[in-house]
Amino acid sequence: MSLLDVDVALALLLDGAAPLAAETLPIAGAAGRILAADVAAKLTQPPFAAAAMDGYAIRWADLPGPWQVVGEAAAGHGWGGAVGAGEAARVFTGAPLPAGADTIVVQEEIARDGAVATLSGDGPPALGAHIRKAGQDFVAGAILARAGAVLTPPRAGLLAAGGHGEVAVVRRPRVALIATGDELVAPGTTPGPGQIVSSNSLMLASLFASAGAEVIDPGIIPDRRDALAAALTAAEADLIVTIGGASVGDHDLVVPVLRDLGAEIDFWKIAMRPGKPLLAGRLGATRVIGLPGNPVSAYVCALLFVAPLLRRFGGRADGAARVTLPLAGPLPANGARRDHLRGRRTASGRAEAFARQDSALLGLLADADLLIVRPPGAPAAAAGEMVDCIALDTFHPVA
């Protein structure tokens, strides 16, 4: 089977992928979710003309005063009277504007002697000063947010002000993350002879969560066909992601077990470095992606293929931040596979590739903030030459 171009593989993977069905949640529990439909205001905001400052509600025509104070209005406690000629009503911020008044004089510019108010400053700058007009934010029926928008904290407040307690959002994609390998032990466990800690699941679960997914981890699956088949068939998910076992060794069981279960393999093996033994297919209605077992290969493949699919399922835009930077030092010519060099952005804003690029070096991946992308067959590049990069910090979840 020939190696598939990275961009072609991604296009095949995303073909037909669409946002999942909507679910209705309380706004308080839907922060960061994607709206599944336009949301229109049920209310008008403000629902009435309101005082924007503490002061006195007057008629503009009666300036410069003085005024007889005939009432008082506070937020939540309007005054039922009306301001007439030569009259004023004491008002506080948020109070409904008393009938008859059309302007507010701020309290700092009024001298009060009993019920008589006298102008002591410059007065209001214009007719209607310091009044929030009814509906100046939005009116009932206006679209407050469009489908596909992220429910940010301000947008959540906006929808609540518009009369909504619940909102329809795109369902979070469910990912079953299946790690295989007799050599693996859970994090926090002391490895025995020939064993290593299963760090990939934890790393990838964090990445998938940052793409908006809900991750299901059934634990480490031993290298037995029956155990892997049972884990695959038991997964109730929109996407199954396997880690390891996707190559062609005697103990690489993912492909044969998938075929035993009747899965369709869409593609297998990509012209990229690291991560050549990546596979994608379908097990019934469920998508399946098989990642390599080496930590760097697993992460880079998940970044390039799994995260975009999850974001598509969740109704989100592509999260990859592509930047073009000058090289800090020269790079040799590239081979036939697209390369993704781990590196960092220097203090001067240049892309510096690490000297070592072994796909098992998790420490260097942790230190990297860039993947320097080298196209297949790219010629040697000199220091200062511009290169395309993927900014890795885009994918770091915020606690």
Protein backbone atom coordinates (compact mmCIF):
# COMPACT_ATOMS: atom_id res chain seq x y z
CA MET A 1 0.00 0.00 0.00
CA SER A 2 1.52 3.33 -1.04
CA LEU A 3 1.90 6.17 1.42
CA LEU A 4 -0.85 8.78 1.31
CA ASP A 5 -0.20 12.52 1.18
CA VAL A 6 -0.98 14.29 4.45
CA ASP A 7 -3.41 16.83 2.97
CA VAL A 8 -5.18 14.15 0.93
CA ALA A 9 -5.55 11.97 4.03
CA LEU A 10 -6.99 14.85 6.05
CA ALA A 11 -9.46 15.69 3.29
CA LEU A 12 -10.60 12.06 3.17
CA LEU A 13 -10.96 11.98 6.94
CA LEU A 14 -13.05 15.15 7.07
CA ASP A 15 -15.20 14.27 4.07
CA GLY A 16 -18.77 13.90 5.30
CA ALA A 17 -17.93 14.90 8.86
CA ALA A 18 -20.54 17.32 10.18
CA PRO A 19 -21.53 18.82 13.53
CA LEU A 20 -23.29 16.35 15.80
CA ALA A 21 -26.92 16.68 16.86
CA ALA A 22 -27.98 19.45 19.22
CA GLU A 23 -28.77 19.12 22.90
CA THR A 24 -30.45 21.64 25.19
CA LEU A 25 -28.57 22.65 28.32
CA PRO A 26 -28.94 25.28 31.04
CA ILE A 27 -26.86 28.29 30.04
CA ALA A 28 -24.96 28.00 33.31
CA GLY A 29 -23.69 24.57 32.23
CA ALA A 30 -22.98 25.33 28.58
CA ALA A 31 -19.94 27.62 28.79
CA GLY A 32 -17.57 27.16 25.87
CA ARG A 33 -20.06 25.11 23.85
CA ILE A 34 -21.07 25.84 20.26
CA LEU A 35 -24.55 27.19 19.58
CA ALA A 36 -26.60 24.85 17.40
CA ALA A 37 -29.11 27.48 16.24
CA ASP A 38 -29.61 31.23 16.10
CA VAL A 39 -30.87 32.67 19.39
CA ALA A 40 -33.34 35.55 19.35
CA ALA A 41 -34.14 37.83 22.27
CA LYS A 42 -37.35 37.14 24.14
CA LEU A 43 -37.08 40.46 25.96
CA THR A 44 -36.07 44.05 25.30
CA GLN A 45 -32.99 45.38 27.08
CA PRO A 46 -33.32 47.74 28.86
CA PRO A 47 -37.08 47.11 29.05
CA PHE A 48 -37.67 50.79 29.92
CA ALA A 49 -35.83 54.09 29.76
CA ALA A 50 -33.55 54.07 32.79
CA ALA A 51 -31.27 56.39 34.71
CA ALA A 52 -27.60 55.86 33.82
CA MET A 53 -26.37 58.00 36.74
CA ASP A 54 -27.48 59.01 40.20
CA GLY A 55 -29.05 62.45 39.95
CA TYR A 56 -32.28 64.30 39.22
CA ALA A 57 -34.72 63.69 36.39
CA ILE A 58 -35.91 66.98 34.86
CA ARG A 59 -37.37 68.45 31.70
CA TRP A 60 -34.67 69.90 29.40
CA ALA A 61 -36.88 72.93 28.81
CA ASP A 62 -36.72 73.85 32.52
CA LEU A 63 -32.96 74.42 32.63
CA PRO A 64 -31.25 76.06 34.43
CA GLY A 65 -33.79 75.50 37.22
CA PRO A 66 -34.36 75.67 40.13
CA TRP A 67 -36.69 72.69 40.62
CA GLN A 68 -39.12 71.43 43.18
CA VAL A 69 -38.27 67.81 44.05
CA VAL A 70 -41.57 65.92 43.94
CA GLY A 71 -40.58 62.21 43.95
CA GLU A 72 -37.89 59.58 44.06
CA ALA A 73 -37.13 56.47 41.96
CA ALA A 74 -34.60 53.70 42.58
CA ALA A 75 -33.65 50.51 40.76
CA GLY A 76 -36.53 48.09 41.17
CA HIS A 77 -38.67 50.80 42.73
CA GLY A 78 -40.11 53.20 40.19
CA TRP A 79 -42.03 56.36 41.01
CA GLY A 80 -45.61 56.44 39.84
CA GLY A 81 -45.85 60.20 39.48
CA ALA A 82 -44.91 62.51 36.61
CA VAL A 83 -42.42 65.39 36.42
CA GLY A 84 -44.12 68.65 35.48
CA ALA A 85 -42.86 72.17 34.72
CA GLY A 86 -40.26 73.28 37.26
CA GLU A 87 -40.20 69.88 38.93
CA ALA A 88 -37.58 67.18 39.42
CA ALA A 89 -37.49 63.61 40.72
CA ARG A 90 -34.56 62.15 42.62
CA VAL A 91 -33.32 59.11 40.67
CA PHE A 92 -30.69 56.44 41.20
CA THR A 93 -28.80 54.39 38.61
CA GLY A 94 -31.01 51.75 37.03
CA ALA A 95 -34.25 53.39 38.10
CA PRO A 96 -37.06 53.76 35.54
CA LEU A 97 -37.14 57.30 34.13
CA PRO A 98 -40.15 59.09 35.64
CA ALA A 99 -42.88 60.15 33.24
CA GLY A 100 -42.49 63.69 31.93
CA ALA A 101 -38.70 63.81 32.39
CA ASP A 102 -36.33 63.75 29.42
CA THR A 103 -32.91 64.51 30.95
CA ILE A 104 -30.91 63.75 34.08
CA VAL A 105 -28.68 66.16 35.97
CA VAL A 106 -25.98 64.25 37.86
CA GLN A 107 -26.14 64.62 41.61
CA GLU A 108 -22.69 66.28 41.79
CA GLU A 109 -24.13 69.29 39.94
CA ILE A 110 -27.14 69.84 42.19
CA ALA A 111 -27.30 71.73 45.48
CA ARG A 112 -30.22 70.65 47.60
CA ASP A 113 -32.06 72.77 50.15
CA GLY A 114 -34.97 70.74 51.45
CA ALA A 115 -37.29 70.08 48.49
CA VAL A 116 -35.58 72.70 46.29
CA ALA A 117 -32.81 71.62 43.87
CA THR A 118 -30.49 74.23 42.36
CA LEU A 119 -27.99 73.78 39.54
CA SER A 120 -24.45 74.11 40.96
CA GLY A 121 -22.38 72.95 37.95
CA ASP A 122 -22.43 73.10 34.17
CA GLY A 123 -25.51 70.92 33.91
CA PRO A 124 -26.30 68.14 31.43
CA PRO A 125 -24.49 68.38 28.07
CA ALA A 126 -27.54 67.66 25.92
CA LEU A 127 -31.18 66.72 25.87
CA GLY A 128 -31.51 63.08 27.00
CA ALA A 129 -28.22 63.09 28.90
CA HIS A 130 -27.52 60.19 31.29
CA ILE A 131 -30.53 58.15 30.18
CA ARG A 132 -30.37 54.61 28.82
CA LYS A 133 -33.09 54.39 26.22
CA ALA A 134 -35.42 51.40 26.17
CA GLY A 135 -34.03 48.76 23.80
CA GLN A 136 -30.67 50.45 23.29
CA ASP A 137 -28.92 47.11 23.83
CA PHE A 138 -31.42 44.90 22.00
CA VAL A 139 -35.15 44.53 21.36
CA ALA A 140 -37.35 41.44 21.53
CA GLY A 141 -36.96 39.37 18.38
CA ALA A 142 -33.44 40.57 17.58
CA ILE A 143 -30.84 37.84 16.92
CA LEU A 144 -28.45 37.83 19.86
CA ALA A 145 -26.12 35.05 18.66
CA ARG A 146 -25.76 33.00 15.52
CA ALA A 147 -25.45 29.25 15.15
CA GLY A 148 -21.79 28.24 15.31
CA ALA A 149 -20.84 30.93 17.82
CA VAL A 150 -18.95 29.95 20.96
CA LEU A 151 -20.90 30.49 24.17
CA THR A 152 -18.36 32.82 25.77
CA PRO A 153 -19.02 34.28 29.24
CA PRO A 154 -20.24 37.64 27.81
CA ARG A 155 -22.44 35.83 25.27
CA ALA A 156 -23.89 33.65 28.03
CA GLY A 157 -24.77 36.81 29.94
CA LEU A 158 -26.31 38.31 26.82
CA LEU A 159 -28.57 35.32 26.24
CA ALA A 160 -29.61 35.28 29.88
CA ALA A 161 -30.49 38.98 29.68
CA GLY A 162 -32.49 38.20 26.55
CA GLY A 163 -34.76 35.89 28.52
CA HIS A 164 -33.13 32.49 27.99
CA GLY A 165 -32.39 29.99 30.73
CA GLU A 166 -31.49 27.17 28.34
CA VAL A 167 -29.75 27.03 24.99
CA ALA A 168 -29.36 24.49 22.16
CA VAL A 169 -25.69 23.57 21.67
CA VAL A 170 -23.84 21.06 19.53
CA ARG A 171 -23.32 17.82 21.43
CA ARG A 172 -19.75 17.19 22.51
CA PRO A 173 -18.14 14.36 20.53
CA ARG A 174 -17.45 11.23 22.55
CA VAL A 175 -14.04 9.66 22.02
CA ALA A 176 -13.13 6.16 23.19
CA LEU A 177 -9.37 6.18 23.76
CA ILE A 178 -8.01 2.64 23.62
CA ALA A 179 -4.36 2.05 24.52
CA THR A 180 -2.99 -1.41 23.77
CA GLY A 181 0.18 -3.07 24.97
CA ASP A 182 1.28 -5.69 27.48
CA GLU A 183 4.24 -3.47 28.31
CA LEU A 184 2.08 -0.61 29.62
CA VAL A 185 1.19 0.24 33.21
CA ALA A 186 -1.05 3.04 34.48
CA PRO A 187 0.47 6.40 35.50
CA GLY A 188 1.57 6.33 39.13
CA THR A 189 2.33 2.61 38.95
CA THR A 190 5.91 1.40 39.19
CA PRO A 191 6.79 -0.44 35.96
CA GLY A 192 8.00 -4.01 36.21
CA PRO A 193 10.73 -5.55 34.06
CA GLY A 194 10.19 -4.66 30.41
CA GLN A 195 7.30 -2.32 31.20
CA ILE A 196 6.75 1.43 30.72
CA VAL A 197 4.18 3.94 31.93
CA SER A 198 1.21 4.54 29.63
CA SER A 199 1.56 8.30 29.23
CA ASN A 200 -0.01 8.62 25.79
CA SER A 201 -3.60 8.22 26.96
CA LEU A 202 -3.31 11.02 29.49
CA MET A 203 -1.56 13.30 26.98
CA LEU A 204 -4.06 12.68 24.21
CA ALA A 205 -7.11 12.94 26.48
CA SER A 206 -5.99 16.44 27.38
CA LEU A 207 -5.55 17.33 23.69
CA PHE A 208 -8.97 15.94 22.77
CA ALA A 209 -10.63 17.80 25.65
CA SER A 210 -9.10 21.03 24.32
CA ALA A 211 -10.82 20.24 21.00
CA GLY A 212 -14.17 20.02 22.80
CA ALA A 213 -14.47 16.25 23.22
CA GLU A 214 -15.63 14.02 26.04
CA VAL A 215 -13.05 11.26 26.49
CA ILE A 216 -13.86 7.69 27.54
CA ASP A 217 -10.85 5.64 28.67
CA PRO A 218 -11.51 1.93 29.31
CA GLY A 219 -7.96 1.42 30.55
CA ILE A 220 -5.01 -0.45 29.09
CA ILE A 221 -6.02 -3.29 26.76
CA PRO A 222 -3.66 -6.32 26.66
CA ASP A 223 -2.17 -7.56 23.40
CA ARG A 224 -4.85 -10.19 22.79
CA ARG A 225 -7.22 -10.22 19.85
CA ASP A 226 -10.25 -11.07 21.99
CA ALA A 227 -9.50 -8.26 24.47
CA LEU A 228 -9.05 -5.68 21.73
CA ALA A 229 -12.16 -6.87 19.87
CA ALA A 230 -14.19 -6.62 23.08
CA ALA A 231 -12.94 -3.09 23.76
CA LEU A 232 -13.70 -1.95 20.21
CA THR A 233 -17.21 -3.41 20.13
CA ALA A 234 -18.05 -2.09 23.61
CA ALA A 235 -17.07 1.49 22.77
CA GLU A 236 -20.10 3.79 22.70
CA ALA A 237 -18.53 6.74 20.97
CA ASP A 238 -18.53 8.92 17.88
CA LEU A 239 -14.83 8.20 17.39
CA ILE A 240 -12.60 5.36 18.53
CA VAL A 241 -8.91 6.23 18.81
CA THR A 242 -6.46 3.39 19.32
CA ILE A 243 -2.89 3.96 20.46
CA GLY A 244 -0.21 1.55 19.28
CA GLY A 245 -0.56 -1.72 17.47
CA ALA A 246 -1.27 -0.08 14.10
CA SER A 247 1.93 -1.17 12.35
CA VAL A 248 2.73 -4.53 10.75
CA GLY A 249 4.52 -6.44 13.52
CA ASP A 250 3.35 -9.80 14.88
CA HIS A 251 1.91 -8.05 17.94
CA ASP A 252 0.29 -5.18 16.03
CA LEU A 253 -3.31 -6.30 16.24
CA VAL A 254 -5.39 -3.21 15.44
CA VAL A 255 -5.73 -3.72 11.68
CA PRO A 256 -6.44 -7.48 11.73
CA VAL A 257 -8.93 -7.16 14.59
CA LEU A 258 -10.73 -4.30 12.88
CA ARG A 259 -10.98 -6.37 9.71
CA ASP A 260 -12.26 -9.35 11.72
CA LEU A 261 -15.01 -7.07 13.03
CA GLY A 262 -15.98 -5.98 9.53
CA ALA A 263 -14.46 -2.51 9.69
CA GLU A 264 -13.71 -0.55 6.54
CA ILE A 265 -10.15 0.78 6.35
CA ASP A 266 -10.23 4.10 4.49
CA PHE A 267 -6.46 4.59 4.52
CA TRP A 268 -3.40 3.25 6.29
CA LYS A 269 0.11 4.72 6.33
CA ILE A 270 0.75 8.39 5.66
CA ALA A 271 3.68 10.06 3.91
CA MET A 272 4.69 11.95 7.02
CA ARG A 273 7.31 11.96 9.73
CA PRO A 274 6.73 11.23 12.56
CA GLY A 275 3.62 9.06 12.36
CA LYS A 276 3.69 6.99 9.16
CA PRO A 277 1.61 4.06 10.58
CA LEU A 278 -1.62 6.05 10.96
CA LEU A 279 -4.88 4.43 9.91
CA ALA A 280 -8.44 5.63 9.53
CA GLY A 281 -11.60 3.66 8.96
CA ARG A 282 -15.12 2.96 10.12
CA LEU A 283 -16.54 0.32 12.42
CA GLY A 284 -20.21 0.44 11.57
CA ALA A 285 -21.27 4.07 12.05
CA THR A 286 -18.28 4.85 14.28
CA ARG A 287 -15.13 6.47 12.94
CA VAL A 288 -11.84 4.81 13.92
CA ILE A 289 -8.36 6.34 13.92
CA GLY A 290 -5.34 4.23 14.81
CA LEU A 291 -2.38 6.21 16.14
CA PRO A 292 1.23 5.05 16.39
CA GLY A 293 2.51 4.09 19.81
CA ASN A 294 5.58 6.35 19.99
CA PRO A 295 4.62 9.43 22.06
CA VAL A 296 5.69 12.10 19.57
CA SER A 297 4.21 10.22 16.62
CA ALA A 298 0.94 9.72 18.50
CA TYR A 299 0.71 13.38 19.47
CA VAL A 300 1.59 14.81 16.06
CA CYS A 301 -0.88 12.50 14.31
CA ALA A 302 -3.58 13.33 16.85
CA LEU A 303 -2.88 17.02 16.37
CA LEU A 304 -3.06 16.85 12.59
CA PHE A 305 -5.92 14.39 12.17
CA VAL A 306 -7.93 13.67 15.32
CA ALA A 307 -8.25 17.23 16.62
CA PRO A 308 -9.62 18.62 13.29
CA LEU A 309 -12.20 15.80 13.11
CA LEU A 310 -13.31 16.41 16.69
CA ARG A 311 -13.62 20.12 16.06
CA ARG A 312 -15.71 19.41 12.96
CA PHE A 313 -17.96 17.08 14.99
CA GLY A 314 -18.31 19.76 17.67
CA GLY A 315 -19.16 22.55 15.20
CA ARG A 316 -15.88 24.33 15.87
CA ALA A 317 -13.49 26.08 13.50
CA ASP A 318 -10.06 24.62 12.83
CA GLY A 319 -7.88 25.27 15.86
CA ALA A 320 -4.51 25.02 14.14
CA ALA A 321 -2.54 28.27 14.29
CA ARG A 322 -0.21 28.40 11.29
CA VAL A 323 2.61 30.90 11.38
CA THR A 324 5.42 31.71 8.97
CA LEU A 325 8.77 32.41 10.63
CA PRO A 326 12.40 32.84 9.55
CA LEU A 327 14.70 29.96 10.37
CA ALA A 328 17.20 30.40 13.17
CA GLY A 329 19.62 28.01 11.47
CA PRO A 330 19.96 25.97 8.29
CA LEU A 331 18.01 22.78 7.63
CA PRO A 332 19.01 19.91 5.32
CA ALA A 333 16.94 18.83 2.34
CA ASN A 334 13.86 16.78 3.21
CA GLY A 335 12.99 13.29 1.95
CA ALA A 336 9.81 11.94 0.41
CA ARG A 337 7.65 12.32 3.54
CA ARG A 338 6.35 15.58 4.99
CA ASP A 339 8.35 16.24 8.14
CA HIS A 340 7.24 17.97 11.35
CA LEU A 341 10.30 19.11 13.22
CA ARG A 342 9.91 19.88 16.90
CA GLY A 343 11.35 23.26 17.77
CA ARG A 344 10.85 26.55 19.51
CA ARG A 345 10.42 30.21 18.79
CA THR A 346 13.55 32.12 19.76
CA ALA A 347 13.57 35.44 21.59
CA SER A 348 14.13 37.12 18.22
CA GLY A 349 11.06 35.44 16.73
CA ARG A 350 12.83 32.79 14.66
CA ALA A 351 12.01 29.09 14.31
CA GLU A 352 14.72 26.89 15.77
CA ALA A 353 14.55 23.13 15.18
CA PHE A 354 15.81 20.87 17.97
CA ALA A 355 18.94 18.91 17.13
CA ARG A 356 17.30 15.59 18.02
CA GLN A 357 14.00 14.52 16.42
CA ASP A 358 13.52 10.95 17.69
CA SER A 359 9.78 10.18 17.89
CA ALA A 360 10.20 8.59 21.32
CA LEU A 361 11.59 11.75 22.98
CA LEU A 362 8.64 13.06 24.97
CA GLY A 363 10.83 15.55 26.84
CA LEU A 364 11.62 17.46 23.64
CA LEU A 365 7.94 17.46 22.65
CA ALA A 366 7.09 18.97 26.03
CA ASP A 367 9.66 21.72 25.44
CA ALA A 368 8.50 22.43 21.88
CA ASP A 369 6.18 25.29 21.01
CA LEU A 370 6.44 24.81 17.24
CA LEU A 371 6.25 22.12 14.61
CA ILE A 372 8.34 23.26 11.65
CA VAL A 373 6.66 21.80 8.56
CA ARG A 374 8.97 20.57 5.80
CA PRO A 375 7.15 19.56 2.58
CA PRO A 376 8.13 16.36 0.77
CA GLY A 377 11.26 16.90 -1.28
CA ALA A 378 11.93 20.35 0.18
CA PRO A 379 15.46 21.56 -0.68
CA ALA A 380 17.95 22.58 1.96
CA ALA A 381 16.94 25.81 3.70
CA ALA A 382 19.31 28.54 4.85
CA ALA A 383 19.10 30.52 8.08
CA GLY A 384 16.61 33.35 7.64
CA GLU A 385 14.52 31.48 5.06
CA MET A 386 10.78 31.57 5.83
CA VAL A 387 9.15 28.30 6.89
CA ASP A 388 5.61 27.27 7.75
CA CYS A 389 5.05 26.27 11.37
CA ILE A 390 2.24 24.98 13.57
CA ALA A 391 2.02 26.80 16.91
CA LEU A 392 1.65 24.08 19.53
CA ASP A 393 0.51 26.40 22.32
CA THR A 394 -2.81 26.77 20.46
CA PHE A 395 -3.72 23.32 21.72
CA HIS A 396 -2.89 23.70 25.38
CA PRO A 397 -6.12 23.60 27.41
CA VAL A 398 -6.70 26.39 29.90
CA ALA A 399 -7.49 25.21 33.42
